[in-house]
Amino acid sequence: MNFWELNFVFLGVSAAILLVAVLTGRVRGRQVSAIVVSTLVLWVLTAIFDNLMIASGLFDYGGHALSGVFIGLAPLEDFAYPLGAILLLPAIWLLLTPRSGTDSTPEAS
């Protein structure tokens, strides 16, 4: 199994759970904006820190499982993990959070 096959599974599961959150009306415009901004920030951080860690020799990739596309020293495959996380974690959060107007917090009297 190469990294893109693994990414396909991980991203597919993440996208499916986000789709459930969208179809149940849990995702609103504000959340979409936060997901987009968070994705961009995580990709920039991934580019910086992956390149630093690879350049310093902390780890190396087996070239046989890579696509051969790099951003600096970081393989393109590495950028799928932050994307998967940023799709999955907010979706789970939104699905597990009670809907507005239905929270069980007592009203102040």
PDB file of N, CA and C in Angstrom:
ATOM      1  N   MET A   1       0.853  -1.178   0.000  1.00  0.00           N
ATOM      2  CA  MET A   1       0.000   0.000   0.000  1.00  0.00           C
ATOM      3  C   MET A   1       0.893   1.234   0.000  1.00  0.00           C
ATOM      4  N   ASN A   2       0.615   2.167  -0.900  1.00  0.00           N
ATOM      5  CA  ASN A   2       1.400   3.397  -0.902  1.00  0.00           C
ATOM      6  C   ASN A   2       0.668   4.474  -0.085  1.00  0.00           C
ATOM      7  N   PHE A   3       1.318   5.625   0.067  1.00  0.00           N
ATOM      8  CA  PHE A   3       0.755   6.672   0.909  1.00  0.00           C
ATOM      9  C   PHE A   3      -0.551   7.229   0.354  1.00  0.00           C
ATOM     10  N   TRP A   4      -0.696   7.339  -0.955  1.00  0.00           N
ATOM     11  CA  TRP A   4      -1.935   7.868  -1.523  1.00  0.00           C
ATOM     12  C   TRP A   4      -3.105   6.933  -1.282  1.00  0.00           C
ATOM     13  N   GLU A   5      -2.883   5.632  -1.294  1.00  0.00           N
ATOM     14  CA  GLU A   5      -3.955   4.688  -0.982  1.00  0.00           C
ATOM     15  C   GLU A   5      -4.385   4.845   0.479  1.00  0.00           C
ATOM     16  N   LEU A   6      -3.416   4.991   1.361  1.00  0.00           N
ATOM     17  CA  LEU A   6      -3.720   5.215   2.771  1.00  0.00           C
ATOM     18  C   LEU A   6      -4.454   6.544   2.956  1.00  0.00           C
ATOM     19  N   ASN A   7      -3.987   7.580   2.261  1.00  0.00           N
ATOM     20  CA  ASN A   7      -4.641   8.885   2.337  1.00  0.00           C
ATOM     21  C   ASN A   7      -6.070   8.823   1.822  1.00  0.00           C
ATOM     22  N   PHE A   8      -6.289   8.057   0.760  1.00  0.00           N
ATOM     23  CA  PHE A   8      -7.626   7.921   0.191  1.00  0.00           C
ATOM     24  C   PHE A   8      -8.598   7.370   1.237  1.00  0.00           C
ATOM     25  N   VAL A   9      -8.174   6.375   1.977  1.00  0.00           N
ATOM     26  CA  VAL A   9      -9.027   5.784   3.013  1.00  0.00           C
ATOM     27  C   VAL A   9      -9.281   6.816   4.116  1.00  0.00           C
ATOM     28  N   PHE A  10      -8.229   7.444   4.609  1.00  0.00           N
ATOM     29  CA  PHE A  10      -8.336   8.403   5.699  1.00  0.00           C
ATOM     30  C   PHE A  10      -9.188   9.610   5.293  1.00  0.00           C
ATOM     31  N   LEU A  11      -8.926  10.162   4.113  1.00  0.00           N
ATOM     32  CA  LEU A  11      -9.693  11.317   3.643  1.00  0.00           C
ATOM     33  C   LEU A  11     -11.137  10.935   3.322  1.00  0.00           C
ATOM     34  N   GLY A  12     -11.346   9.730   2.816  1.00  0.00           N
ATOM     35  CA  GLY A  12     -12.704   9.273   2.521  1.00  0.00           C
ATOM     36  C   GLY A  12     -13.554   9.175   3.772  1.00  0.00           C
ATOM     37  N   VAL A  13     -13.008   8.598   4.827  1.00  0.00           N
ATOM     38  CA  VAL A  13     -13.737   8.488   6.092  1.00  0.00           C
ATOM     39  C   VAL A  13     -14.013   9.880   6.652  1.00  0.00           C
ATOM     40  N   SER A  14     -13.011  10.743   6.625  1.00  0.00           N
ATOM     41  CA  SER A  14     -13.176  12.109   7.139  1.00  0.00           C
ATOM     42  C   SER A  14     -14.236  12.868   6.358  1.00  0.00           C
ATOM     43  N   ALA A  15     -14.195  12.782   5.043  1.00  0.00           N
ATOM     44  CA  ALA A  15     -15.173  13.483   4.200  1.00  0.00           C
ATOM     45  C   ALA A  15     -16.570  12.923   4.407  1.00  0.00           C
ATOM     46  N   ALA A  16     -16.693  11.616   4.589  1.00  0.00           N
ATOM     47  CA  ALA A  16     -18.004  10.999   4.804  1.00  0.00           C
ATOM     48  C   ALA A  16     -18.632  11.491   6.111  1.00  0.00           C
ATOM     49  N   ILE A  17     -17.839  11.579   7.154  1.00  0.00           N
ATOM     50  CA  ILE A  17     -18.371  12.055   8.438  1.00  0.00           C
ATOM     51  C   ILE A  17     -18.734  13.532   8.340  1.00  0.00           C
ATOM     52  N   LEU A  18     -17.915  14.331   7.640  1.00  0.00           N
ATOM     53  CA  LEU A  18     -18.262  15.737   7.432  1.00  0.00           C
ATOM     54  C   LEU A  18     -19.548  15.858   6.613  1.00  0.00           C
ATOM     55  N   LEU A  19     -19.718  15.002   5.633  1.00  0.00           N
ATOM     56  CA  LEU A  19     -20.931  15.019   4.818  1.00  0.00           C
ATOM     57  C   LEU A  19     -22.163  14.738   5.675  1.00  0.00           C
ATOM     58  N   VAL A  20     -22.049  13.819   6.612  1.00  0.00           N
ATOM     59  CA  VAL A  20     -23.156  13.550   7.536  1.00  0.00           C
ATOM     60  C   VAL A  20     -23.483  14.813   8.327  1.00  0.00           C
ATOM     61  N   ALA A  21     -22.452  15.508   8.800  1.00  0.00           N
ATOM     62  CA  ALA A  21     -22.670  16.753   9.556  1.00  0.00           C
ATOM     63  C   ALA A  21     -23.342  17.811   8.685  1.00  0.00           C
ATOM     64  N   VAL A  22     -22.947  17.897   7.423  1.00  0.00           N
ATOM     65  CA  VAL A  22     -23.557  18.862   6.497  1.00  0.00           C
ATOM     66  C   VAL A  22     -25.012  18.495   6.237  1.00  0.00           C
ATOM     67  N   LEU A  23     -25.275  17.229   5.949  1.00  0.00           N
ATOM     68  CA  LEU A  23     -26.633  16.788   5.612  1.00  0.00           C
ATOM     69  C   LEU A  23     -27.600  16.883   6.787  1.00  0.00           C
ATOM     70  N   THR A  24     -27.082  16.828   7.996  1.00  0.00           N
ATOM     71  CA  THR A  24     -27.948  16.963   9.172  1.00  0.00           C
ATOM     72  C   THR A  24     -28.085  18.416   9.611  1.00  0.00           C
ATOM     73  N   GLY A  25     -27.519  19.329   8.846  1.00  0.00           N
ATOM     74  CA  GLY A  25     -27.662  20.754   9.128  1.00  0.00           C
ATOM     75  C   GLY A  25     -26.796  21.274  10.251  1.00  0.00           C
ATOM     76  N   ARG A  26     -25.761  20.539  10.599  1.00  0.00           N
ATOM     77  CA  ARG A  26     -24.885  20.965  11.691  1.00  0.00           C
ATOM     78  C   ARG A  26     -23.833  21.978  11.251  1.00  0.00           C
ATOM     79  N   VAL A  27     -23.485  21.986   9.985  1.00  0.00           N
ATOM     80  CA  VAL A  27     -22.415  22.860   9.490  1.00  0.00           C
ATOM     81  C   VAL A  27     -23.052  24.124   8.921  1.00  0.00           C
ATOM     82  N   ARG A  28     -22.568  25.257   9.406  1.00  0.00           N
ATOM     83  CA  ARG A  28     -23.055  26.554   8.927  1.00  0.00           C
ATOM     84  C   ARG A  28     -21.893  27.306   8.298  1.00  0.00           C
ATOM     85  N   GLY A  29     -22.196  28.456   7.723  1.00  0.00           N
ATOM     86  CA  GLY A  29     -21.188  29.260   7.031  1.00  0.00           C
ATOM     87  C   GLY A  29     -19.979  29.579   7.879  1.00  0.00           C
ATOM     88  N   ARG A  30     -20.201  29.892   9.139  1.00  0.00           N
ATOM     89  CA  ARG A  30     -19.091  30.235  10.036  1.00  0.00           C
ATOM     90  C   ARG A  30     -18.139  29.050  10.220  1.00  0.00           C
ATOM     91  N   GLN A  31     -18.700  27.857  10.324  1.00  0.00           N
ATOM     92  CA  GLN A  31     -17.858  26.673  10.486  1.00  0.00           C
ATOM     93  C   GLN A  31     -17.062  26.391   9.212  1.00  0.00           C
ATOM     94  N   VAL A  32     -17.686  26.602   8.059  1.00  0.00           N
ATOM     95  CA  VAL A  32     -16.977  26.389   6.794  1.00  0.00           C
ATOM     96  C   VAL A  32     -15.794  27.331   6.696  1.00  0.00           C
ATOM     97  N   SER A  33     -15.993  28.591   7.056  1.00  0.00           N
ATOM     98  CA  SER A  33     -14.888  29.562   7.037  1.00  0.00           C
ATOM     99  C   SER A  33     -13.767  29.128   7.975  1.00  0.00           C
ATOM    100  N   ALA A  34     -14.125  28.661   9.147  1.00  0.00           N
ATOM    101  CA  ALA A  34     -13.118  28.211  10.108  1.00  0.00           C
ATOM    102  C   ALA A  34     -12.355  26.998   9.584  1.00  0.00           C
ATOM    103  N   ILE A  35     -13.050  26.091   8.910  1.00  0.00           N
ATOM    104  CA  ILE A  35     -12.393  24.907   8.350  1.00  0.00           C
ATOM    105  C   ILE A  35     -11.406  25.310   7.261  1.00  0.00           C
ATOM    106  N   VAL A  36     -11.815  26.234   6.392  1.00  0.00           N
ATOM    107  CA  VAL A  36     -10.935  26.676   5.305  1.00  0.00           C
ATOM    108  C   VAL A  36      -9.695  27.379   5.859  1.00  0.00           C
ATOM    109  N   VAL A  37      -9.888  28.303   6.788  1.00  0.00           N
ATOM    110  CA  VAL A  37      -8.749  29.029   7.367  1.00  0.00           C
ATOM    111  C   VAL A  37      -7.832  28.071   8.116  1.00  0.00           C
ATOM    112  N   SER A  38      -8.407  27.161   8.886  1.00  0.00           N
ATOM    113  CA  SER A  38      -7.602  26.187   9.636  1.00  0.00           C
ATOM    114  C   SER A  38      -6.804  25.289   8.702  1.00  0.00           C
ATOM    115  N   THR A  39      -7.405  24.889   7.591  1.00  0.00           N
ATOM    116  CA  THR A  39      -6.698  24.057   6.613  1.00  0.00           C
ATOM    117  C   THR A  39      -5.483  24.793   6.065  1.00  0.00           C
ATOM    118  N   LEU A  40      -5.667  26.037   5.696  1.00  0.00           N
ATOM    119  CA  LEU A  40      -4.542  26.814   5.157  1.00  0.00           C
ATOM    120  C   LEU A  40      -3.437  26.987   6.186  1.00  0.00           C
ATOM    121  N   VAL A  41      -3.815  27.290   7.424  1.00  0.00           N
ATOM    122  CA  VAL A  41      -2.815  27.455   8.490  1.00  0.00           C
ATOM    123  C   VAL A  41      -2.064  26.147   8.726  1.00  0.00           C
ATOM    124  N   LEU A  42      -2.791  25.026   8.799  1.00  0.00           N
ATOM    125  CA  LEU A  42      -2.128  23.741   9.045  1.00  0.00           C
ATOM    126  C   LEU A  42      -1.226  23.333   7.885  1.00  0.00           C
ATOM    127  N   TRP A  43      -1.626  23.650   6.647  1.00  0.00           N
ATOM    128  CA  TRP A  43      -0.759  23.341   5.501  1.00  0.00           C
ATOM    129  C   TRP A  43       0.528  24.162   5.543  1.00  0.00           C
ATOM    130  N   VAL A  44       0.439  25.428   5.924  1.00  0.00           N
ATOM    131  CA  VAL A  44       1.650  26.256   6.039  1.00  0.00           C
ATOM    132  C   VAL A  44       2.554  25.698   7.133  1.00  0.00           C
ATOM    133  N   LEU A  45       1.971  25.371   8.282  1.00  0.00           N
ATOM    134  CA  LEU A  45       2.765  24.797   9.369  1.00  0.00           C
ATOM    135  C   LEU A  45       3.368  23.448   8.981  1.00  0.00           C
ATOM    136  N   THR A  46       2.607  22.634   8.260  1.00  0.00           N
ATOM    137  CA  THR A  46       3.125  21.351   7.792  1.00  0.00           C
ATOM    138  C   THR A  46       4.313  21.571   6.860  1.00  0.00           C
ATOM    139  N   ALA A  47       4.191  22.518   5.953  1.00  0.00           N
ATOM    140  CA  ALA A  47       5.282  22.796   5.018  1.00  0.00           C
ATOM    141  C   ALA A  47       6.534  23.231   5.765  1.00  0.00           C
ATOM    142  N   ILE A  48       6.372  24.098   6.732  1.00  0.00           N
ATOM    143  CA  ILE A  48       7.531  24.599   7.486  1.00  0.00           C
ATOM    144  C   ILE A  48       8.162  23.485   8.309  1.00  0.00           C
ATOM    145  N   PHE A  49       7.374  22.859   9.160  1.00  0.00           N
ATOM    146  CA  PHE A  49       7.950  21.913  10.117  1.00  0.00           C
ATOM    147  C   PHE A  49       8.351  20.578   9.500  1.00  0.00           C
ATOM    148  N   ASP A  50       7.627  20.090   8.511  1.00  0.00           N
ATOM    149  CA  ASP A  50       8.062  18.869   7.834  1.00  0.00           C
ATOM    150  C   ASP A  50       9.408  19.088   7.155  1.00  0.00           C
ATOM    151  N   ASN A  51       9.550  20.223   6.488  1.00  0.00           N
ATOM    152  CA  ASN A  51      10.824  20.515   5.839  1.00  0.00           C
ATOM    153  C   ASN A  51      11.951  20.626   6.847  1.00  0.00           C
ATOM    154  N   LEU A  52      11.713  21.265   7.984  1.00  0.00           N
ATOM    155  CA  LEU A  52      12.741  21.375   9.019  1.00  0.00           C
ATOM    156  C   LEU A  52      13.123  20.006   9.582  1.00  0.00           C
ATOM    157  N   MET A  53      12.127  19.169   9.852  1.00  0.00           N
ATOM    158  CA  MET A  53      12.407  17.852  10.429  1.00  0.00           C
ATOM    159  C   MET A  53      13.119  16.937   9.438  1.00  0.00           C
ATOM    160  N   ILE A  54      12.720  17.004   8.170  1.00  0.00           N
ATOM    161  CA  ILE A  54      13.379  16.175   7.159  1.00  0.00           C
ATOM    162  C   ILE A  54      14.803  16.665   6.933  1.00  0.00           C
ATOM    163  N   ALA A  55      14.984  17.989   6.858  1.00  0.00           N
ATOM    164  CA  ALA A  55      16.319  18.557   6.636  1.00  0.00           C
ATOM    165  C   ALA A  55      17.269  18.243   7.786  1.00  0.00           C
ATOM    166  N   SER A  56      16.728  18.182   9.004  1.00  0.00           N
ATOM    167  CA  SER A  56      17.593  17.892  10.156  1.00  0.00           C
ATOM    168  C   SER A  56      17.862  16.400  10.317  1.00  0.00           C
ATOM    169  N   GLY A  57      17.214  15.572   9.506  1.00  0.00           N
ATOM    170  CA  GLY A  57      17.465  14.137   9.550  1.00  0.00           C
ATOM    171  C   GLY A  57      16.664  13.382  10.589  1.00  0.00           C
ATOM    172  N   LEU A  58      15.606  13.998  11.133  1.00  0.00           N
ATOM    173  CA  LEU A  58      14.793  13.305  12.129  1.00  0.00           C
ATOM    174  C   LEU A  58      14.090  12.089  11.552  1.00  0.00           C
ATOM    175  N   PHE A  59      13.707  12.168  10.284  1.00  0.00           N
ATOM    176  CA  PHE A  59      13.082  11.018   9.637  1.00  0.00           C
ATOM    177  C   PHE A  59      13.263  11.113   8.139  1.00  0.00           C
ATOM    178  N   ASP A  60      12.980  10.005   7.483  1.00  0.00           N
ATOM    179  CA  ASP A  60      13.092   9.913   6.034  1.00  0.00           C
ATOM    180  C   ASP A  60      11.958   9.013   5.553  1.00  0.00           C
ATOM    181  N   TYR A  61      11.608   9.168   4.307  1.00  0.00           N
ATOM    182  CA  TYR A  61      10.537   8.353   3.736  1.00  0.00           C
ATOM    183  C   TYR A  61      11.125   7.307   2.812  1.00  0.00           C
ATOM    184  N   GLY A  62      10.491   6.136   2.793  1.00  0.00           N
ATOM    185  CA  GLY A  62      10.852   5.143   1.798  1.00  0.00           C
ATOM    186  C   GLY A  62      10.352   5.641   0.451  1.00  0.00           C
ATOM    187  N   GLY A  63      11.232   5.921  -0.455  1.00  0.00           N
ATOM    188  CA  GLY A  63      10.870   6.515  -1.729  1.00  0.00           C
ATOM    189  C   GLY A  63       9.932   5.674  -2.572  1.00  0.00           C
ATOM    190  N   HIS A  64       9.885   4.376  -2.350  1.00  0.00           N
ATOM    191  CA  HIS A  64       9.053   3.496  -3.173  1.00  0.00           C
ATOM    192  C   HIS A  64       7.562   3.751  -2.984  1.00  0.00           C
ATOM    193  N   ALA A  65       7.138   4.330  -1.844  1.00  0.00           N
ATOM    194  CA  ALA A  65       5.721   4.530  -1.573  1.00  0.00           C
ATOM    195  C   ALA A  65       5.263   5.964  -1.826  1.00  0.00           C
ATOM    196  N   LEU A  66       6.157   6.812  -2.317  1.00  0.00           N
ATOM    197  CA  LEU A  66       5.834   8.218  -2.541  1.00  0.00           C
ATOM    198  C   LEU A  66       5.481   8.482  -3.992  1.00  0.00           C
ATOM    199  N   SER A  67       4.721   9.558  -4.212  1.00  0.00           N
ATOM    200  CA  SER A  67       4.329   9.932  -5.576  1.00  0.00           C
ATOM    201  C   SER A  67       5.463  10.639  -6.317  1.00  0.00           C
ATOM    202  N   GLY A  68       6.407  11.205  -5.591  1.00  0.00           N
ATOM    203  CA  GLY A  68       7.509  11.919  -6.222  1.00  0.00           C
ATOM    204  C   GLY A  68       7.290  13.416  -6.315  1.00  0.00           C
ATOM    205  N   VAL A  69       6.141  13.903  -5.822  1.00  0.00           N
ATOM    206  CA  VAL A  69       5.853  15.335  -5.810  1.00  0.00           C
ATOM    207  C   VAL A  69       6.187  15.862  -4.417  1.00  0.00           C
ATOM    208  N   PHE A  70       6.992  16.930  -4.361  1.00  0.00           N
ATOM    209  CA  PHE A  70       7.456  17.458  -3.083  1.00  0.00           C
ATOM    210  C   PHE A  70       7.192  18.951  -2.993  1.00  0.00           C
ATOM    211  N   ILE A  71       6.996  19.419  -1.782  1.00  0.00           N
ATOM    212  CA  ILE A  71       7.001  20.847  -1.485  1.00  0.00           C
ATOM    213  C   ILE A  71       8.226  21.043  -0.607  1.00  0.00           C
ATOM    214  N   GLY A  72       9.287  21.515  -1.212  1.00  0.00           N
ATOM    215  CA  GLY A  72      10.582  21.526  -0.536  1.00  0.00           C
ATOM    216  C   GLY A  72      11.050  20.092  -0.407  1.00  0.00           C
ATOM    217  N   LEU A  73      11.282  19.669   0.819  1.00  0.00           N
ATOM    218  CA  LEU A  73      11.673  18.281   1.077  1.00  0.00           C
ATOM    219  C   LEU A  73      10.483  17.405   1.473  1.00  0.00           C
ATOM    220  N   ALA A  74       9.348  18.051   1.767  1.00  0.00           N
ATOM    221  CA  ALA A  74       8.175  17.321   2.256  1.00  0.00           C
ATOM    222  C   ALA A  74       7.375  16.735   1.093  1.00  0.00           C
ATOM    223  N   PRO A  75       7.070  15.454   1.149  1.00  0.00           N
ATOM    224  CA  PRO A  75       6.246  14.859   0.090  1.00  0.00           C
ATOM    225  C   PRO A  75       4.818  15.388   0.162  1.00  0.00           C
ATOM    226  N   LEU A  76       4.196  15.504  -0.980  1.00  0.00           N
ATOM    227  CA  LEU A  76       2.836  16.022  -1.063  1.00  0.00           C
ATOM    228  C   LEU A  76       1.875  15.192  -0.215  1.00  0.00           C
ATOM    229  N   GLU A  77       2.155  13.932  -0.065  1.00  0.00           N
ATOM    230  CA  GLU A  77       1.292  13.039   0.716  1.00  0.00           C
ATOM    231  C   GLU A  77       1.123  13.511   2.154  1.00  0.00           C
ATOM    232  N   ASP A  78       2.136  14.181   2.704  1.00  0.00           N
ATOM    233  CA  ASP A  78       2.070  14.651   4.086  1.00  0.00           C
ATOM    234  C   ASP A  78       0.981  15.689   4.307  1.00  0.00           C
ATOM    235  N   PHE A  79       0.559  16.361   3.264  1.00  0.00           N
ATOM    236  CA  PHE A  79      -0.423  17.425   3.414  1.00  0.00           C
ATOM    237  C   PHE A  79      -1.850  16.883   3.490  1.00  0.00           C
ATOM    238  N   ALA A  80      -2.027  15.602   3.249  1.00  0.00           N
ATOM    239  CA  ALA A  80      -3.352  14.990   3.363  1.00  0.00           C
ATOM    240  C   ALA A  80      -3.744  14.768   4.819  1.00  0.00           C
ATOM    241  N   TYR A  81      -2.781  14.536   5.694  1.00  0.00           N
ATOM    242  CA  TYR A  81      -3.099  14.251   7.092  1.00  0.00           C
ATOM    243  C   TYR A  81      -3.721  15.456   7.792  1.00  0.00           C
ATOM    244  N   PRO A  82      -3.150  16.665   7.659  1.00  0.00           N
ATOM    245  CA  PRO A  82      -3.834  17.815   8.262  1.00  0.00           C
ATOM    246  C   PRO A  82      -5.217  18.050   7.662  1.00  0.00           C
ATOM    247  N   LEU A  83      -5.365  17.818   6.361  1.00  0.00           N
ATOM    248  CA  LEU A  83      -6.668  17.986   5.723  1.00  0.00           C
ATOM    249  C   LEU A  83      -7.672  16.996   6.303  1.00  0.00           C
ATOM    250  N   GLY A  84      -7.269  15.757   6.457  1.00  0.00           N
ATOM    251  CA  GLY A  84      -8.159  14.748   7.042  1.00  0.00           C
ATOM    252  C   GLY A  84      -8.566  15.118   8.456  1.00  0.00           C
ATOM    253  N   ALA A  85      -7.605  15.584   9.239  1.00  0.00           N
ATOM    254  CA  ALA A  85      -7.904  15.963  10.619  1.00  0.00           C
ATOM    255  C   ALA A  85      -8.845  17.157  10.683  1.00  0.00           C
ATOM    256  N   ILE A  86      -8.618  18.113   9.800  1.00  0.00           N
ATOM    257  CA  ILE A  86      -9.440  19.328   9.835  1.00  0.00           C
ATOM    258  C   ILE A  86     -10.843  19.072   9.297  1.00  0.00           C
ATOM    259  N   LEU A  87     -11.028  18.026   8.527  1.00  0.00           N
ATOM    260  CA  LEU A  87     -12.374  17.636   8.101  1.00  0.00           C
ATOM    261  C   LEU A  87     -13.061  16.792   9.172  1.00  0.00           C
ATOM    262  N   LEU A  88     -12.318  15.894   9.776  1.00  0.00           N
ATOM    263  CA  LEU A  88     -12.886  14.925  10.715  1.00  0.00           C
ATOM    264  C   LEU A  88     -13.227  15.525  12.077  1.00  0.00           C
ATOM    265  N   LEU A  89     -12.297  16.240  12.685  1.00  0.00           N
ATOM    266  CA  LEU A  89     -12.495  16.688  14.064  1.00  0.00           C
ATOM    267  C   LEU A  89     -13.641  17.681  14.225  1.00  0.00           C
ATOM    268  N   PRO A  90     -13.757  18.714  13.382  1.00  0.00           N
ATOM    269  CA  PRO A  90     -14.925  19.593  13.528  1.00  0.00           C
ATOM    270  C   PRO A  90     -16.240  18.860  13.248  1.00  0.00           C
ATOM    271  N   ALA A  91     -16.233  17.923  12.303  1.00  0.00           N
ATOM    272  CA  ALA A  91     -17.452  17.177  11.994  1.00  0.00           C
ATOM    273  C   ALA A  91     -17.912  16.372  13.208  1.00  0.00           C
ATOM    274  N   ILE A  92     -16.981  15.701  13.848  1.00  0.00           N
ATOM    275  CA  ILE A  92     -17.332  14.927  15.047  1.00  0.00           C
ATOM    276  C   ILE A  92     -17.828  15.866  16.143  1.00  0.00           C
ATOM    277  N   TRP A  93     -17.131  16.986  16.323  1.00  0.00           N
ATOM    278  CA  TRP A  93     -17.526  17.968  17.338  1.00  0.00           C
ATOM    279  C   TRP A  93     -18.953  18.450  17.084  1.00  0.00           C
ATOM    280  N   LEU A  94     -19.241  18.828  15.843  1.00  0.00           N
ATOM    281  CA  LEU A  94     -20.570  19.341  15.516  1.00  0.00           C
ATOM    282  C   LEU A  94     -21.644  18.272  15.661  1.00  0.00           C
ATOM    283  N   LEU A  95     -21.333  17.031  15.332  1.00  0.00           N
ATOM    284  CA  LEU A  95     -22.314  15.951  15.456  1.00  0.00           C
ATOM    285  C   LEU A  95     -22.589  15.586  16.909  1.00  0.00           C
ATOM    286  N   LEU A  96     -21.598  15.757  17.766  1.00  0.00           N
ATOM    287  CA  LEU A  96     -21.763  15.388  19.175  1.00  0.00           C
ATOM    288  C   LEU A  96     -22.273  16.528  20.040  1.00  0.00           C
ATOM    289  N   THR A  97     -22.291  17.747  19.519  1.00  0.00           N
ATOM    290  CA  THR A  97     -22.762  18.913  20.267  1.00  0.00           C
ATOM    291  C   THR A  97     -24.266  19.058  20.084  1.00  0.00           C
ATOM    292  N   PRO A  98     -24.993  19.279  21.172  1.00  0.00           N
ATOM    293  CA  PRO A  98     -26.442  19.480  21.023  1.00  0.00           C
ATOM    294  C   PRO A  98     -26.734  20.685  20.124  1.00  0.00           C
ATOM    295  N   ARG A  99     -27.842  20.611  19.398  1.00  0.00           N
ATOM    296  CA  ARG A  99     -28.244  21.720  18.525  1.00  0.00           C
ATOM    297  C   ARG A  99     -28.582  22.945  19.360  1.00  0.00           C
ATOM    298  N   SER A 100     -28.418  24.118  18.766  1.00  0.00           N
ATOM    299  CA  SER A 100     -28.789  25.371  19.425  1.00  0.00           C
ATOM    300  C   SER A 100     -30.262  25.339  19.784  1.00  0.00           C
ATOM    301  N   GLY A 101     -30.569  25.844  20.955  1.00  0.00           N
ATOM    302  CA  GLY A 101     -31.963  25.867  21.379  1.00  0.00           C
ATOM    303  C   GLY A 101     -32.405  24.580  22.045  1.00  0.00           C
ATOM    304  N   THR A 102     -31.566  23.566  21.991  1.00  0.00           N
ATOM    305  CA  THR A 102     -31.928  22.291  22.630  1.00  0.00           C
ATOM    306  C   THR A 102     -30.958  21.926  23.733  1.00  0.00           C
ATOM    307  N   ASP A 103     -30.125  22.934  24.180  1.00  0.00           N
ATOM    308  CA  ASP A 103     -29.224  22.511  25.240  1.00  0.00           C
ATOM    309  C   ASP A 103     -29.990  22.338  26.537  1.00  0.00           C
ATOM    310  N   SER A 104     -29.393  21.566  27.369  1.00  0.00           N
ATOM    311  CA  SER A 104     -30.076  21.213  28.600  1.00  0.00           C
ATOM    312  C   SER A 104     -29.662  22.108  29.760  1.00  0.00           C
ATOM    313  N   THR A 105     -29.049  23.269  29.450  1.00  0.00           N
ATOM    314  CA  THR A 105     -28.635  24.154  30.528  1.00  0.00           C
ATOM    315  C   THR A 105     -29.873  24.866  31.086  1.00  0.00           C
ATOM    316  N   PRO A 106     -29.986  24.942  32.408  1.00  0.00           N
ATOM    317  CA  PRO A 106     -31.161  25.584  32.993  1.00  0.00           C
ATOM    318  C   PRO A 106     -31.124  27.101  32.731  1.00  0.00           C
ATOM    319  N   GLU A 107     -32.295  27.671  32.555  1.00  0.00           N
ATOM    320  CA  GLU A 107     -32.378  29.094  32.328  1.00  0.00           C
ATOM    321  C   GLU A 107     -32.209  29.834  33.652  1.00  0.00           C
ATOM    322  N   ALA A 108     -31.573  31.016  33.562  1.00  0.00           N
ATOM    323  CA  ALA A 108     -31.402  31.831  34.762  1.00  0.00           C
ATOM    324  C   ALA A 108     -32.751  32.449  35.120  1.00  0.00           C
ATOM    325  N   SER A 109     -33.093  32.420  36.403  1.00  0.00           N
ATOM    326  CA  SER A 109     -34.372  33.006  36.778  1.00  0.00           C
ATOM    327  C   SER A 109     -34.165  34.168  37.720  1.00  0.00           C
TER     328      SER A 109
END
